[in-house]
């Protein structure tokens, strides 16, 4: 099995609902979104997926988050804009275009991330 990972970043603000602590107040992060693709075979050029194509797919989903207030974005309306929910949204969007998507990780900082995957 081959695994390919690509990352992109975005800067955005949010505040967490139903939460007691610093994060209930408006604050921002320099987020990193990471997509993990899994392939059993390689194509004739010896690649599972072209890094450039994978990055383009991920950037296409994440670009709407850049320099936005996540609580107001239509795709996240009605859900708490946690890293977990952001990862699930990105996963759902990418899975529509690539069935080999294995998981999505969303990093709030270099030490903390949430991942979403399905069986």
C-alpha atoms as a PDB file:
ATOM      1  CA  UNK A   1       0.000   0.000   0.000  1.00  0.00           C
ATOM      2  CA  UNK A   2       1.242   3.482  -0.879  1.00  0.00           C
ATOM      3  CA  UNK A   3       0.397   6.582   1.081  1.00  0.00           C
ATOM      4  CA  UNK A   4       0.768  10.136  -0.214  1.00  0.00           C
ATOM      5  CA  UNK A   5       0.359  13.192   2.021  1.00  0.00           C
ATOM      6  CA  UNK A   6      -0.008  16.812   0.999  1.00  0.00           C
ATOM      7  CA  UNK A   7      -0.454  19.923   3.104  1.00  0.00           C
ATOM      8  CA  UNK A   8      -1.683  23.444   2.623  1.00  0.00           C
ATOM      9  CA  UNK A   9      -2.265  26.253   5.058  1.00  0.00           C
ATOM     10  CA  UNK A  10      -4.779  28.966   5.760  1.00  0.00           C
ATOM     11  CA  UNK A  11      -5.255  31.693   8.327  1.00  0.00           C
ATOM     12  CA  UNK A  12      -8.681  32.034   9.879  1.00  0.00           C
ATOM     13  CA  UNK A  13     -10.527  33.102  13.001  1.00  0.00           C
ATOM     14  CA  UNK A  14     -13.231  31.335  14.977  1.00  0.00           C
ATOM     15  CA  UNK A  15     -14.704  31.003  18.397  1.00  0.00           C
ATOM     16  CA  UNK A  16     -16.036  27.832  19.948  1.00  0.00           C
ATOM     17  CA  UNK A  17     -19.642  27.559  21.043  1.00  0.00           C
ATOM     18  CA  UNK A  18     -20.703  25.570  24.109  1.00  0.00           C
ATOM     19  CA  UNK A  19     -17.177  25.767  25.459  1.00  0.00           C
ATOM     20  CA  UNK A  20     -15.828  27.355  28.628  1.00  0.00           C
ATOM     21  CA  UNK A  21     -12.338  28.747  28.359  1.00  0.00           C
ATOM     22  CA  UNK A  22     -10.135  30.948  26.212  1.00  0.00           C
ATOM     23  CA  UNK A  23     -11.360  29.422  22.960  1.00  0.00           C
ATOM     24  CA  UNK A  24     -14.920  30.630  23.483  1.00  0.00           C
ATOM     25  CA  UNK A  25     -13.575  34.094  22.642  1.00  0.00           C
ATOM     26  CA  UNK A  26     -12.755  35.169  19.104  1.00  0.00           C
ATOM     27  CA  UNK A  27      -9.238  34.049  18.177  1.00  0.00           C
ATOM     28  CA  UNK A  28      -7.290  32.907  15.142  1.00  0.00           C
ATOM     29  CA  UNK A  29      -4.916  30.212  13.981  1.00  0.00           C
ATOM     30  CA  UNK A  30      -2.502  29.618  11.174  1.00  0.00           C
ATOM     31  CA  UNK A  31      -4.050  26.281  10.301  1.00  0.00           C
ATOM     32  CA  UNK A  32      -2.525  23.447   8.279  1.00  0.00           C
ATOM     33  CA  UNK A  33      -4.763  21.009   6.420  1.00  0.00           C
ATOM     34  CA  UNK A  34      -3.241  17.667   5.479  1.00  0.00           C
ATOM     35  CA  UNK A  35      -4.797  15.131   3.123  1.00  0.00           C
ATOM     36  CA  UNK A  36      -3.683  11.490   3.117  1.00  0.00           C
ATOM     37  CA  UNK A  37      -4.318   9.354   0.043  1.00  0.00           C
ATOM     38  CA  UNK A  38      -3.890   5.580  -0.077  1.00  0.00           C
ATOM     39  CA  UNK A  39      -3.242   3.522  -3.219  1.00  0.00           C
ATOM     40  CA  UNK A  40      -2.637  -0.177  -3.742  1.00  0.00           C
ATOM     41  CA  UNK A  41      -0.859   0.332  -7.078  1.00  0.00           C
ATOM     42  CA  UNK A  42       1.154   2.918  -8.951  1.00  0.00           C
ATOM     43  CA  UNK A  43       0.461   4.337 -12.388  1.00  0.00           C
ATOM     44  CA  UNK A  44       2.770   3.765 -15.380  1.00  0.00           C
ATOM     45  CA  UNK A  45       5.005   6.648 -14.276  1.00  0.00           C
ATOM     46  CA  UNK A  46       5.522   5.050 -10.859  1.00  0.00           C
ATOM     47  CA  UNK A  47       3.274   7.469  -8.941  1.00  0.00           C
ATOM     48  CA  UNK A  48       0.220   6.882  -6.786  1.00  0.00           C
ATOM     49  CA  UNK A  49      -0.982  10.451  -7.395  1.00  0.00           C
ATOM     50  CA  UNK A  50       0.834  13.512  -8.664  1.00  0.00           C
ATOM     51  CA  UNK A  51       1.667  15.789  -5.706  1.00  0.00           C
ATOM     52  CA  UNK A  52       0.651  18.799  -7.783  1.00  0.00           C
ATOM     53  CA  UNK A  53      -2.816  17.350  -8.486  1.00  0.00           C
ATOM     54  CA  UNK A  54      -3.321  16.361  -4.843  1.00  0.00           C
ATOM     55  CA  UNK A  55      -2.288  19.821  -3.602  1.00  0.00           C
ATOM     56  CA  UNK A  56      -4.590  21.494  -6.118  1.00  0.00           C
ATOM     57  CA  UNK A  57      -7.562  19.430  -4.887  1.00  0.00           C
ATOM     58  CA  UNK A  58      -6.828  20.261  -1.254  1.00  0.00           C
ATOM     59  CA  UNK A  59      -6.248  23.966  -1.926  1.00  0.00           C
ATOM     60  CA  UNK A  60      -9.507  24.107  -3.868  1.00  0.00           C
ATOM     61  CA  UNK A  61     -11.448  23.021  -0.783  1.00  0.00           C
ATOM     62  CA  UNK A  62      -9.488  25.022   1.789  1.00  0.00           C
ATOM     63  CA  UNK A  63      -9.235  28.351  -0.063  1.00  0.00           C
ATOM     64  CA  UNK A  64     -12.702  29.433   1.149  1.00  0.00           C
ATOM     65  CA  UNK A  65     -11.409  29.287   4.746  1.00  0.00           C
ATOM     66  CA  UNK A  66      -8.418  31.590   4.231  1.00  0.00           C
ATOM     67  CA  UNK A  67      -8.746  34.908   6.057  1.00  0.00           C
ATOM     68  CA  UNK A  68     -12.326  34.132   7.031  1.00  0.00           C
ATOM     69  CA  UNK A  69     -14.360  34.042  10.210  1.00  0.00           C
ATOM     70  CA  UNK A  70     -15.202  30.348  10.202  1.00  0.00           C
ATOM     71  CA  UNK A  71     -18.361  30.699  12.300  1.00  0.00           C
ATOM     72  CA  UNK A  72     -19.964  32.689   9.464  1.00  0.00           C
ATOM     73  CA  UNK A  73     -18.947  30.481   6.527  1.00  0.00           C
ATOM     74  CA  UNK A  74     -21.838  28.751   4.787  1.00  0.00           C
ATOM     75  CA  UNK A  75     -20.196  25.262   4.768  1.00  0.00           C
ATOM     76  CA  UNK A  76     -19.771  25.400   8.553  1.00  0.00           C
ATOM     77  CA  UNK A  77     -23.035  27.181   9.378  1.00  0.00           C
ATOM     78  CA  UNK A  78     -24.853  25.451  12.192  1.00  0.00           C
ATOM     79  CA  UNK A  79     -21.873  23.431  13.421  1.00  0.00           C
ATOM     80  CA  UNK A  80     -19.166  24.374  15.858  1.00  0.00           C
ATOM     81  CA  UNK A  81     -16.031  25.235  13.809  1.00  0.00           C
ATOM     82  CA  UNK A  82     -13.737  22.886  15.715  1.00  0.00           C
ATOM     83  CA  UNK A  83     -10.732  21.266  14.087  1.00  0.00           C
ATOM     84  CA  UNK A  84     -12.675  17.995  14.112  1.00  0.00           C
ATOM     85  CA  UNK A  85     -15.607  19.471  12.185  1.00  0.00           C
ATOM     86  CA  UNK A  86     -13.329  21.292   9.751  1.00  0.00           C
ATOM     87  CA  UNK A  87     -11.466  18.012   9.066  1.00  0.00           C
ATOM     88  CA  UNK A  88     -14.778  16.217   8.427  1.00  0.00           C
ATOM     89  CA  UNK A  89     -15.943  18.926   6.009  1.00  0.00           C
ATOM     90  CA  UNK A  90     -12.659  18.846   4.069  1.00  0.00           C
ATOM     91  CA  UNK A  91     -12.771  15.041   3.984  1.00  0.00           C
ATOM     92  CA  UNK A  92     -16.312  15.009   2.594  1.00  0.00           C
ATOM     93  CA  UNK A  93     -15.435  17.546  -0.091  1.00  0.00           C
ATOM     94  CA  UNK A  94     -12.243  15.756  -1.184  1.00  0.00           C
ATOM     95  CA  UNK A  95     -13.777  12.279  -1.131  1.00  0.00           C
ATOM     96  CA  UNK A  96     -16.209  13.409  -3.846  1.00  0.00           C
ATOM     97  CA  UNK A  97     -13.273  13.928  -6.214  1.00  0.00           C
ATOM     98  CA  UNK A  98     -10.863  11.201  -5.075  1.00  0.00           C
ATOM     99  CA  UNK A  99     -12.049   7.853  -3.743  1.00  0.00           C
ATOM    100  CA  UNK A 100      -8.514   7.057  -2.539  1.00  0.00           C
ATOM    101  CA  UNK A 101      -8.671   9.668   0.202  1.00  0.00           C
ATOM    102  CA  UNK A 102      -7.795   7.972   3.490  1.00  0.00           C
ATOM    103  CA  UNK A 103      -7.947  10.806   6.016  1.00  0.00           C
ATOM    104  CA  UNK A 104      -7.724  14.543   6.615  1.00  0.00           C
ATOM    105  CA  UNK A 105      -5.824  16.145   9.464  1.00  0.00           C
ATOM    106  CA  UNK A 106      -6.343  19.737  10.544  1.00  0.00           C
ATOM    107  CA  UNK A 107      -3.577  21.309  12.596  1.00  0.00           C
ATOM    108  CA  UNK A 108      -4.326  24.371  14.773  1.00  0.00           C
ATOM    109  CA  UNK A 109      -0.658  24.625  15.661  1.00  0.00           C
ATOM    110  CA  UNK A 110       2.449  22.464  15.382  1.00  0.00           C
ATOM    111  CA  UNK A 111       1.452  20.395  18.420  1.00  0.00           C
ATOM    112  CA  UNK A 112      -2.309  19.900  18.054  1.00  0.00           C
ATOM    113  CA  UNK A 113      -4.381  18.367  15.296  1.00  0.00           C
ATOM    114  CA  UNK A 114      -7.638  16.531  14.699  1.00  0.00           C
ATOM    115  CA  UNK A 115      -8.129  13.833  12.068  1.00  0.00           C
ATOM    116  CA  UNK A 116     -11.194  12.525  10.262  1.00  0.00           C
ATOM    117  CA  UNK A 117     -11.462   9.247   8.349  1.00  0.00           C
ATOM    118  CA  UNK A 118     -14.116   6.706   7.479  1.00  0.00           C
ATOM    119  CA  UNK A 119     -13.950   2.913   7.319  1.00  0.00           C
END
